[in-house]
Amino acid sequence: MELYSHEYFMNEAFKQAKIAFEEGEIPVGAVVVCNNRIIARAYNQTEKLTDVTAHAEILAITAASNYLGSKYLKECKIYVTLEPCVMCAGAMYWAQLGEIYFAAEDPARGFSRIETALLHPKTKVSKGFMADQSNRLILDFFKELRK
């Protein structure tokens, strides 16, 4: 896997999703990249923190903003293993993220089923990197949860 490729960064987000899986959280992971360097890593922690807003994307945006000392992330890219929900898309709008890459689509809760204009007009969106692996991890999680 080539360093600094979309696959490399999505794989790093997937590693975060696997941590969430192991901790009993919905397995979603995210990394924020600036100048080909990961500046934030996060995974869902809604159960651990008893906070419904503790989605991987929100935690990653907060960490990246703290790292850069800026509320705007115009030069940054976020890689996330599942299509962001409306709340996370709103946070990405306000952070003015430059690019969003997500793996699996979320037909139930993904922002694009509501309105793609939830994102900043200058934000570029790409999807599908590692979608199969991300979908499988989520399906396995809910299969285990139902046992």
C-alpha atoms as a PDB file:
ATOM      1  CA  MET A   1       0.000   0.000   0.000  1.00  0.00           C
ATOM      2  CA  GLU A   2       1.485   3.282  -1.118  1.00  0.00           C
ATOM      3  CA  LEU A   3       2.222   5.794   1.621  1.00  0.00           C
ATOM      4  CA  TYR A   4       0.002   8.903   1.436  1.00  0.00           C
ATOM      5  CA  SER A   5      -2.540   7.206  -0.830  1.00  0.00           C
ATOM      6  CA  HIS A   6      -6.278   7.295  -0.191  1.00  0.00           C
ATOM      7  CA  GLU A   7      -6.104   3.570   0.546  1.00  0.00           C
ATOM      8  CA  TYR A   8      -3.377   4.111   3.144  1.00  0.00           C
ATOM      9  CA  PHE A   9      -5.324   6.784   5.009  1.00  0.00           C
ATOM     10  CA  MET A  10      -8.614   4.858   4.811  1.00  0.00           C
ATOM     11  CA  ASN A  11      -6.820   1.818   6.176  1.00  0.00           C
ATOM     12  CA  GLU A  12      -5.697   3.953   9.130  1.00  0.00           C
ATOM     13  CA  ALA A  13      -9.330   4.973   9.700  1.00  0.00           C
ATOM     14  CA  PHE A  14     -10.298   1.293   9.468  1.00  0.00           C
ATOM     15  CA  LYS A  15      -7.814   0.486  12.241  1.00  0.00           C
ATOM     16  CA  GLN A  16      -9.701   2.986  14.415  1.00  0.00           C
ATOM     17  CA  ALA A  17     -12.992   1.293  13.513  1.00  0.00           C
ATOM     18  CA  LYS A  18     -11.560  -2.037  14.653  1.00  0.00           C
ATOM     19  CA  ILE A  19     -10.703  -0.474  18.024  1.00  0.00           C
ATOM     20  CA  ALA A  20     -14.321   0.671  18.317  1.00  0.00           C
ATOM     21  CA  PHE A  21     -15.494  -2.857  17.453  1.00  0.00           C
ATOM     22  CA  GLU A  22     -13.279  -4.366  20.163  1.00  0.00           C
ATOM     23  CA  GLU A  23     -14.612  -1.869  22.708  1.00  0.00           C
ATOM     24  CA  GLY A  24     -18.243  -2.619  21.881  1.00  0.00           C
ATOM     25  CA  GLU A  25     -18.835   0.631  20.014  1.00  0.00           C
ATOM     26  CA  ILE A  26     -20.397   0.902  16.570  1.00  0.00           C
ATOM     27  CA  PRO A  27     -17.265   0.359  14.464  1.00  0.00           C
ATOM     28  CA  VAL A  28     -16.633   3.680  12.784  1.00  0.00           C
ATOM     29  CA  GLY A  29     -13.160   5.199  12.593  1.00  0.00           C
ATOM     30  CA  ALA A  30     -11.803   8.462  11.239  1.00  0.00           C
ATOM     31  CA  VAL A  31      -8.495  10.182  10.604  1.00  0.00           C
ATOM     32  CA  VAL A  32      -7.839  13.797   9.660  1.00  0.00           C
ATOM     33  CA  VAL A  33      -4.956  14.423   7.293  1.00  0.00           C
ATOM     34  CA  CYS A  34      -3.161  17.709   6.679  1.00  0.00           C
ATOM     35  CA  ASN A  35      -0.225  17.965   4.277  1.00  0.00           C
ATOM     36  CA  ASN A  36      -0.087  14.161   3.955  1.00  0.00           C
ATOM     37  CA  ARG A  37       0.231  13.758   7.718  1.00  0.00           C
ATOM     38  CA  ILE A  38      -2.346  12.269  10.060  1.00  0.00           C
ATOM     39  CA  ILE A  39      -3.044  14.932  12.677  1.00  0.00           C
ATOM     40  CA  ALA A  40      -6.024  13.262  14.383  1.00  0.00           C
ATOM     41  CA  ARG A  41      -7.367   9.738  14.882  1.00  0.00           C
ATOM     42  CA  ALA A  42     -10.665   8.791  16.464  1.00  0.00           C
ATOM     43  CA  TYR A  43     -13.338   6.140  16.713  1.00  0.00           C
ATOM     44  CA  ASN A  44     -16.909   6.100  17.970  1.00  0.00           C
ATOM     45  CA  GLN A  45     -17.043   6.446  21.747  1.00  0.00           C
ATOM     46  CA  THR A  46     -20.712   7.137  22.444  1.00  0.00           C
ATOM     47  CA  GLU A  47     -20.991   4.277  24.958  1.00  0.00           C
ATOM     48  CA  LYS A  48     -17.637   4.869  26.627  1.00  0.00           C
ATOM     49  CA  LEU A  49     -18.244   8.601  27.093  1.00  0.00           C
ATOM     50  CA  THR A  50     -22.048   8.313  27.480  1.00  0.00           C
ATOM     51  CA  ASP A  51     -22.283  11.068  24.895  1.00  0.00           C
ATOM     52  CA  VAL A  52     -24.447  10.761  21.790  1.00  0.00           C
ATOM     53  CA  THR A  53     -22.230  13.294  20.003  1.00  0.00           C
ATOM     54  CA  ALA A  54     -19.029  11.263  20.476  1.00  0.00           C
ATOM     55  CA  HIS A  55     -18.947  10.052  16.881  1.00  0.00           C
ATOM     56  CA  ALA A  56     -15.565   9.334  15.292  1.00  0.00           C
ATOM     57  CA  GLU A  57     -15.865  12.345  12.982  1.00  0.00           C
ATOM     58  CA  ILE A  58     -16.711  14.805  15.775  1.00  0.00           C
ATOM     59  CA  LEU A  59     -13.847  13.560  17.957  1.00  0.00           C
ATOM     60  CA  ALA A  60     -11.428  13.688  15.004  1.00  0.00           C
ATOM     61  CA  ILE A  61     -12.485  17.226  14.036  1.00  0.00           C
ATOM     62  CA  THR A  62     -12.046  18.407  17.627  1.00  0.00           C
ATOM     63  CA  ALA A  63      -8.602  16.805  17.878  1.00  0.00           C
ATOM     64  CA  ALA A  64      -7.510  18.255  14.519  1.00  0.00           C
ATOM     65  CA  SER A  65      -8.738  21.734  15.441  1.00  0.00           C
ATOM     66  CA  ASN A  66      -6.870  21.534  18.741  1.00  0.00           C
ATOM     67  CA  TYR A  67      -3.733  20.335  16.958  1.00  0.00           C
ATOM     68  CA  LEU A  68      -3.823  23.168  14.414  1.00  0.00           C
ATOM     69  CA  GLY A  69      -5.144  25.802  16.816  1.00  0.00           C
ATOM     70  CA  SER A  70      -7.867  26.637  14.313  1.00  0.00           C
ATOM     71  CA  LYS A  71     -11.575  25.988  14.025  1.00  0.00           C
ATOM     72  CA  TYR A  72     -11.277  25.800  10.240  1.00  0.00           C
ATOM     73  CA  LEU A  73      -9.837  22.745   8.523  1.00  0.00           C
ATOM     74  CA  LYS A  74      -9.896  24.010   4.936  1.00  0.00           C
ATOM     75  CA  GLU A  75      -6.585  22.358   4.035  1.00  0.00           C
ATOM     76  CA  CYS A  76      -7.513  19.052   5.675  1.00  0.00           C
ATOM     77  CA  LYS A  77      -9.037  15.795   4.514  1.00  0.00           C
ATOM     78  CA  ILE A  78     -11.066  13.430   6.661  1.00  0.00           C
ATOM     79  CA  TYR A  79     -11.200   9.703   5.998  1.00  0.00           C
ATOM     80  CA  VAL A  80     -14.085   7.911   7.684  1.00  0.00           C
ATOM     81  CA  THR A  81     -15.213   4.309   7.390  1.00  0.00           C
ATOM     82  CA  LEU A  82     -18.946   5.096   7.222  1.00  0.00           C
ATOM     83  CA  GLU A  83     -20.856   7.874   5.518  1.00  0.00           C
ATOM     84  CA  PRO A  84     -21.249  10.687   8.057  1.00  0.00           C
ATOM     85  CA  CYS A  85     -24.631  11.307   9.660  1.00  0.00           C
ATOM     86  CA  VAL A  86     -26.370  14.672   9.461  1.00  0.00           C
ATOM     87  CA  MET A  87     -24.812  15.839  12.760  1.00  0.00           C
ATOM     88  CA  CYS A  88     -21.297  15.006  11.572  1.00  0.00           C
ATOM     89  CA  ALA A  89     -21.930  16.539   8.138  1.00  0.00           C
ATOM     90  CA  GLY A  90     -22.991  19.738   9.921  1.00  0.00           C
ATOM     91  CA  ALA A  91     -19.767  19.751  11.951  1.00  0.00           C
ATOM     92  CA  MET A  92     -17.789  19.200   8.762  1.00  0.00           C
ATOM     93  CA  TYR A  93     -19.615  22.142   7.202  1.00  0.00           C
ATOM     94  CA  TRP A  94     -18.688  24.468  10.075  1.00  0.00           C
ATOM     95  CA  ALA A  95     -15.078  23.210  10.093  1.00  0.00           C
ATOM     96  CA  GLN A  96     -14.965  23.829   6.325  1.00  0.00           C
ATOM     97  CA  LEU A  97     -13.152  20.545   5.731  1.00  0.00           C
ATOM     98  CA  GLY A  98     -11.455  20.549   2.359  1.00  0.00           C
ATOM     99  CA  GLU A  99     -12.145  16.940   1.421  1.00  0.00           C
ATOM    100  CA  ILE A 100     -14.197  14.060   2.789  1.00  0.00           C
ATOM    101  CA  TYR A 101     -13.551  10.429   1.922  1.00  0.00           C
ATOM    102  CA  PHE A 102     -15.896   7.786   3.254  1.00  0.00           C
ATOM    103  CA  ALA A 103     -15.903   4.039   2.764  1.00  0.00           C
ATOM    104  CA  ALA A 104     -19.365   2.541   3.213  1.00  0.00           C
ATOM    105  CA  GLU A 105     -22.595   4.316   2.434  1.00  0.00           C
ATOM    106  CA  ASP A 106     -25.167   4.540   5.228  1.00  0.00           C
ATOM    107  CA  PRO A 107     -28.599   4.263   3.606  1.00  0.00           C
ATOM    108  CA  ALA A 108     -30.352   4.602   6.981  1.00  0.00           C
ATOM    109  CA  ARG A 109     -28.559   7.578   8.548  1.00  0.00           C
ATOM    110  CA  GLY A 110     -26.092   8.975   5.990  1.00  0.00           C
ATOM    111  CA  PHE A 111     -26.193  12.687   5.249  1.00  0.00           C
ATOM    112  CA  SER A 112     -26.602  12.215   1.495  1.00  0.00           C
ATOM    113  CA  ARG A 113     -30.032  10.626   1.891  1.00  0.00           C
ATOM    114  CA  ILE A 114     -31.197  13.889   3.466  1.00  0.00           C
ATOM    115  CA  GLU A 115     -29.335  16.608   1.595  1.00  0.00           C
ATOM    116  CA  THR A 116     -25.833  16.856   0.156  1.00  0.00           C
ATOM    117  CA  ALA A 117     -25.940  20.635   0.648  1.00  0.00           C
ATOM    118  CA  LEU A 118     -25.275  19.942   4.341  1.00  0.00           C
ATOM    119  CA  LEU A 119     -21.583  20.145   3.460  1.00  0.00           C
ATOM    120  CA  HIS A 120     -19.618  23.300   2.745  1.00  0.00           C
ATOM    121  CA  PRO A 121     -19.892  24.194  -0.971  1.00  0.00           C
ATOM    122  CA  LYS A 122     -16.111  23.967  -1.424  1.00  0.00           C
ATOM    123  CA  THR A 123     -15.814  20.533   0.216  1.00  0.00           C
ATOM    124  CA  LYS A 124     -14.976  17.688  -2.151  1.00  0.00           C
ATOM    125  CA  VAL A 125     -16.536  14.289  -1.412  1.00  0.00           C
ATOM    126  CA  SER A 126     -15.363  10.848  -2.528  1.00  0.00           C
ATOM    127  CA  LYS A 127     -16.699   7.479  -1.471  1.00  0.00           C
ATOM    128  CA  GLY A 128     -16.073   3.784  -1.794  1.00  0.00           C
ATOM    129  CA  PHE A 129     -12.493   3.292  -0.576  1.00  0.00           C
ATOM    130  CA  MET A 130     -12.563   0.037   1.473  1.00  0.00           C
ATOM    131  CA  ALA A 131     -16.366  -0.029   1.413  1.00  0.00           C
ATOM    132  CA  ASP A 132     -16.565  -3.843   1.500  1.00  0.00           C
ATOM    133  CA  GLN A 133     -14.331  -4.166   4.569  1.00  0.00           C
ATOM    134  CA  SER A 134     -16.141  -1.368   6.388  1.00  0.00           C
ATOM    135  CA  ASN A 135     -19.570  -2.817   5.589  1.00  0.00           C
ATOM    136  CA  ARG A 136     -18.442  -6.256   6.756  1.00  0.00           C
ATOM    137  CA  LEU A 137     -17.168  -4.885  10.078  1.00  0.00           C
ATOM    138  CA  ILE A 138     -20.460  -3.086  10.742  1.00  0.00           C
ATOM    139  CA  LEU A 139     -22.527  -6.146   9.775  1.00  0.00           C
ATOM    140  CA  ASP A 140     -20.385  -8.360  12.033  1.00  0.00           C
ATOM    141  CA  PHE A 141     -20.827  -5.905  14.904  1.00  0.00           C
ATOM    142  CA  PHE A 142     -24.622  -5.905  14.694  1.00  0.00           C
ATOM    143  CA  LYS A 143     -24.684  -9.685  14.174  1.00  0.00           C
ATOM    144  CA  GLU A 144     -22.753 -10.093  17.453  1.00  0.00           C
ATOM    145  CA  LEU A 145     -24.985  -7.543  19.185  1.00  0.00           C
ATOM    146  CA  ARG A 146     -28.113  -9.535  18.302  1.00  0.00           C
ATOM    147  CA  LYS A 147     -26.763 -12.795  19.782  1.00  0.00           C
END
